Amino acid sequence: RAVLLRQDAALARWACERALAAAPDDELLLAELMRAASALGDADGVRSAGRRLASLADDGHELRPETVALSQELLEGRRRTRRA
Protein backbone atom coordinates (compact mmCIF):
# COMPACT_ATOMS: atom_id res chain seq x y z
CA ARG A 1 0.00 0.00 0.00
CA ALA A 2 2.83 2.42 0.79
CA VAL A 3 4.24 1.87 -2.69
CA LEU A 4 0.85 2.64 -4.22
CA LEU A 5 0.60 5.83 -2.18
CA ARG A 6 4.10 6.90 -3.26
CA GLN A 7 3.25 6.15 -6.89
CA ASP A 8 0.06 8.19 -6.64
CA ALA A 9 1.98 11.04 -5.02
CA ALA A 10 4.64 10.86 -7.72
CA LEU A 11 1.98 10.98 -10.41
CA ALA A 12 0.27 13.89 -8.63
CA ARG A 13 3.57 15.78 -8.45
CA TRP A 14 4.22 15.14 -12.13
CA ALA A 15 0.74 16.37 -13.09
CA CYS A 16 1.06 19.50 -10.93
CA GLU A 17 4.45 20.34 -12.39
CA ARG A 18 3.07 20.02 -15.92
CA ALA A 19 0.01 22.12 -15.14
CA LEU A 20 2.14 24.76 -13.39
CA ALA A 21 4.11 25.20 -16.61
CA ALA A 22 0.92 26.68 -18.07
CA ALA A 23 -0.35 28.38 -14.88
CA PRO A 24 2.70 29.10 -12.70
CA ASP A 25 0.78 31.21 -10.18
CA ASP A 26 -2.09 28.79 -9.55
CA GLU A 27 -2.53 28.59 -5.78
CA LEU A 28 -4.46 25.31 -5.83
CA LEU A 29 -1.86 23.58 -7.99
CA LEU A 30 0.95 24.80 -5.73
CA ALA A 31 -0.91 23.49 -2.68
CA GLU A 32 -1.34 20.10 -4.36
CA LEU A 33 2.33 20.10 -5.33
CA MET A 34 3.18 20.75 -1.70
CA ARG A 35 0.97 17.84 -0.58
CA ALA A 36 2.53 15.49 -3.12
CA ALA A 37 6.06 16.48 -2.13
CA SER A 38 5.19 15.89 1.51
CA ALA A 39 3.74 12.45 0.75
CA LEU A 40 6.99 11.58 -1.03
CA GLY A 41 9.10 12.79 1.90
CA ASP A 42 10.57 15.54 -0.29
CA ALA A 43 11.25 18.32 2.23
CA ASP A 44 13.01 20.46 -0.40
CA GLY A 45 9.96 20.17 -2.66
CA VAL A 46 7.66 21.20 0.19
CA ARG A 47 9.84 24.24 0.94
CA SER A 48 10.06 25.17 -2.74
CA ALA A 49 6.28 25.10 -3.18
CA GLY A 50 5.93 27.01 0.09
CA ARG A 51 8.27 29.72 -1.18
CA ARG A 52 6.25 30.00 -4.38
CA LEU A 53 3.05 30.40 -2.35
CA ALA A 54 4.71 32.99 -0.12
CA SER A 55 5.79 34.87 -3.24
CA LEU A 56 2.19 34.94 -4.43
CA ALA A 57 1.13 36.38 -1.07
CA ASP A 58 3.94 38.94 -1.22
CA ASP A 59 2.67 39.99 -4.64
CA GLY A 60 -0.76 40.74 -3.17
CA HIS A 61 -2.58 37.47 -3.82
CA GLU A 62 -4.76 36.66 -0.83
CA LEU A 63 -4.21 32.98 -0.13
CA ARG A 64 -7.15 30.83 0.88
CA PRO A 65 -7.23 29.98 4.61
CA GLU A 66 -6.94 26.29 3.69
CA THR A 67 -3.73 26.98 1.78
CA VAL A 68 -2.27 28.96 4.68
CA ALA A 69 -3.15 26.17 7.13
CA LEU A 70 -1.63 23.53 4.83
CA SER A 71 1.57 25.55 4.47
CA GLN A 72 1.88 26.01 8.21
CA GLU A 73 1.26 22.35 8.86
CA LEU A 74 3.73 21.07 6.28
CA LEU A 75 6.44 23.68 6.78
CA GLU A 76 6.22 24.13 10.54
CA GLY A 77 4.66 20.86 11.63
CA ARG A 78 1.65 22.64 13.10
CA ARG A 79 -0.95 25.26 12.40
CA ARG A 80 -0.50 28.63 14.02
CA THR A 81 -3.30 30.01 16.12
CA ARG A 82 -4.95 33.09 14.72
CA ARG A 83 -4.78 36.29 16.65
CA ALA A 84 -8.06 38.04 17.33
C-alpha atoms as a PDB file:
ATOM      1  CA  ARG A   1       0.000   0.000   0.000  1.00  0.00           C
ATOM      2  CA  ALA A   2       2.835   2.416   0.793  1.00  0.00           C
ATOM      3  CA  VAL A   3       4.240   1.872  -2.687  1.00  0.00           C
ATOM      4  CA  LEU A   4       0.853   2.640  -4.217  1.00  0.00           C
ATOM      5  CA  LEU A   5       0.599   5.833  -2.177  1.00  0.00           C
ATOM      6  CA  ARG A   6       4.100   6.897  -3.262  1.00  0.00           C
ATOM      7  CA  GLN A   7       3.254   6.149  -6.888  1.00  0.00           C
ATOM      8  CA  ASP A   8       0.058   8.191  -6.635  1.00  0.00           C
ATOM      9  CA  ALA A   9       1.982  11.044  -5.016  1.00  0.00           C
ATOM     10  CA  ALA A  10       4.644  10.857  -7.721  1.00  0.00           C
ATOM     11  CA  LEU A  11       1.976  10.985 -10.412  1.00  0.00           C
ATOM     12  CA  ALA A  12       0.267  13.894  -8.634  1.00  0.00           C
ATOM     13  CA  ARG A  13       3.567  15.783  -8.445  1.00  0.00           C
ATOM     14  CA  TRP A  14       4.224  15.142 -12.133  1.00  0.00           C
ATOM     15  CA  ALA A  15       0.737  16.365 -13.088  1.00  0.00           C
ATOM     16  CA  CYS A  16       1.057  19.496 -10.931  1.00  0.00           C
ATOM     17  CA  GLU A  17       4.449  20.336 -12.389  1.00  0.00           C
ATOM     18  CA  ARG A  18       3.072  20.018 -15.919  1.00  0.00           C
ATOM     19  CA  ALA A  19       0.011  22.123 -15.136  1.00  0.00           C
ATOM     20  CA  LEU A  20       2.136  24.765 -13.393  1.00  0.00           C
ATOM     21  CA  ALA A  21       4.107  25.199 -16.610  1.00  0.00           C
ATOM     22  CA  ALA A  22       0.916  26.683 -18.068  1.00  0.00           C
ATOM     23  CA  ALA A  23      -0.347  28.378 -14.884  1.00  0.00           C
ATOM     24  CA  PRO A  24       2.704  29.105 -12.696  1.00  0.00           C
ATOM     25  CA  ASP A  25       0.780  31.211 -10.181  1.00  0.00           C
ATOM     26  CA  ASP A  26      -2.085  28.792  -9.549  1.00  0.00           C
ATOM     27  CA  GLU A  27      -2.528  28.585  -5.782  1.00  0.00           C
ATOM     28  CA  LEU A  28      -4.459  25.310  -5.833  1.00  0.00           C
ATOM     29  CA  LEU A  29      -1.856  23.584  -7.993  1.00  0.00           C
ATOM     30  CA  LEU A  30       0.946  24.798  -5.735  1.00  0.00           C
ATOM     31  CA  ALA A  31      -0.910  23.490  -2.683  1.00  0.00           C
ATOM     32  CA  GLU A  32      -1.343  20.097  -4.361  1.00  0.00           C
ATOM     33  CA  LEU A  33       2.328  20.099  -5.331  1.00  0.00           C
ATOM     34  CA  MET A  34       3.185  20.753  -1.696  1.00  0.00           C
ATOM     35  CA  ARG A  35       0.970  17.838  -0.581  1.00  0.00           C
ATOM     36  CA  ALA A  36       2.529  15.492  -3.124  1.00  0.00           C
ATOM     37  CA  ALA A  37       6.063  16.480  -2.130  1.00  0.00           C
ATOM     38  CA  SER A  38       5.192  15.892   1.514  1.00  0.00           C
ATOM     39  CA  ALA A  39       3.736  12.453   0.753  1.00  0.00           C
ATOM     40  CA  LEU A  40       6.986  11.581  -1.027  1.00  0.00           C
ATOM     41  CA  GLY A  41       9.101  12.793   1.896  1.00  0.00           C
ATOM     42  CA  ASP A  42      10.569  15.538  -0.290  1.00  0.00           C
ATOM     43  CA  ALA A  43      11.253  18.316   2.230  1.00  0.00           C
ATOM     44  CA  ASP A  44      13.006  20.465  -0.396  1.00  0.00           C
ATOM     45  CA  GLY A  45       9.959  20.170  -2.661  1.00  0.00           C
ATOM     46  CA  VAL A  46       7.656  21.197   0.194  1.00  0.00           C
ATOM     47  CA  ARG A  47       9.840  24.240   0.942  1.00  0.00           C
ATOM     48  CA  SER A  48      10.058  25.171  -2.736  1.00  0.00           C
ATOM     49  CA  ALA A  49       6.279  25.099  -3.185  1.00  0.00           C
ATOM     50  CA  GLY A  50       5.926  27.010   0.085  1.00  0.00           C
ATOM     51  CA  ARG A  51       8.269  29.725  -1.180  1.00  0.00           C
ATOM     52  CA  ARG A  52       6.248  30.005  -4.382  1.00  0.00           C
ATOM     53  CA  LEU A  53       3.047  30.399  -2.353  1.00  0.00           C
ATOM     54  CA  ALA A  54       4.711  32.986  -0.123  1.00  0.00           C
ATOM     55  CA  SER A  55       5.794  34.870  -3.237  1.00  0.00           C
ATOM     56  CA  LEU A  56       2.187  34.942  -4.430  1.00  0.00           C
ATOM     57  CA  ALA A  57       1.129  36.383  -1.074  1.00  0.00           C
ATOM     58  CA  ASP A  58       3.940  38.943  -1.219  1.00  0.00           C
ATOM     59  CA  ASP A  59       2.670  39.992  -4.645  1.00  0.00           C
ATOM     60  CA  GLY A  60      -0.763  40.743  -3.172  1.00  0.00           C
ATOM     61  CA  HIS A  61      -2.577  37.466  -3.823  1.00  0.00           C
ATOM     62  CA  GLU A  62      -4.758  36.657  -0.828  1.00  0.00           C
ATOM     63  CA  LEU A  63      -4.211  32.982  -0.130  1.00  0.00           C
ATOM     64  CA  ARG A  64      -7.152  30.830   0.882  1.00  0.00           C
ATOM     65  CA  PRO A  65      -7.234  29.983   4.613  1.00  0.00           C
ATOM     66  CA  GLU A  66      -6.941  26.288   3.688  1.00  0.00           C
ATOM     67  CA  THR A  67      -3.734  26.984   1.782  1.00  0.00           C
ATOM     68  CA  VAL A  68      -2.268  28.957   4.676  1.00  0.00           C
ATOM     69  CA  ALA A  69      -3.150  26.173   7.126  1.00  0.00           C
ATOM     70  CA  LEU A  70      -1.630  23.533   4.831  1.00  0.00           C
ATOM     71  CA  SER A  71       1.572  25.548   4.471  1.00  0.00           C
ATOM     72  CA  GLN A  72       1.881  26.013   8.214  1.00  0.00           C
ATOM     73  CA  GLU A  73       1.260  22.348   8.859  1.00  0.00           C
ATOM     74  CA  LEU A  74       3.727  21.068   6.278  1.00  0.00           C
ATOM     75  CA  LEU A  75       6.439  23.685   6.775  1.00  0.00           C
ATOM     76  CA  GLU A  76       6.216  24.130  10.540  1.00  0.00           C
ATOM     77  CA  GLY A  77       4.656  20.865  11.630  1.00  0.00           C
ATOM     78  CA  ARG A  78       1.651  22.644  13.096  1.00  0.00           C
ATOM     79  CA  ARG A  79      -0.953  25.256  12.396  1.00  0.00           C
ATOM     80  CA  ARG A  80      -0.503  28.629  14.019  1.00  0.00           C
ATOM     81  CA  THR A  81      -3.295  30.008  16.122  1.00  0.00           C
ATOM     82  CA  ARG A  82      -4.953  33.085  14.722  1.00  0.00           C
ATOM     83  CA  ARG A  83      -4.777  36.293  16.648  1.00  0.00           C
ATOM     84  CA  ALA A  84      -8.056  38.044  17.328  1.00  0.00           C
END
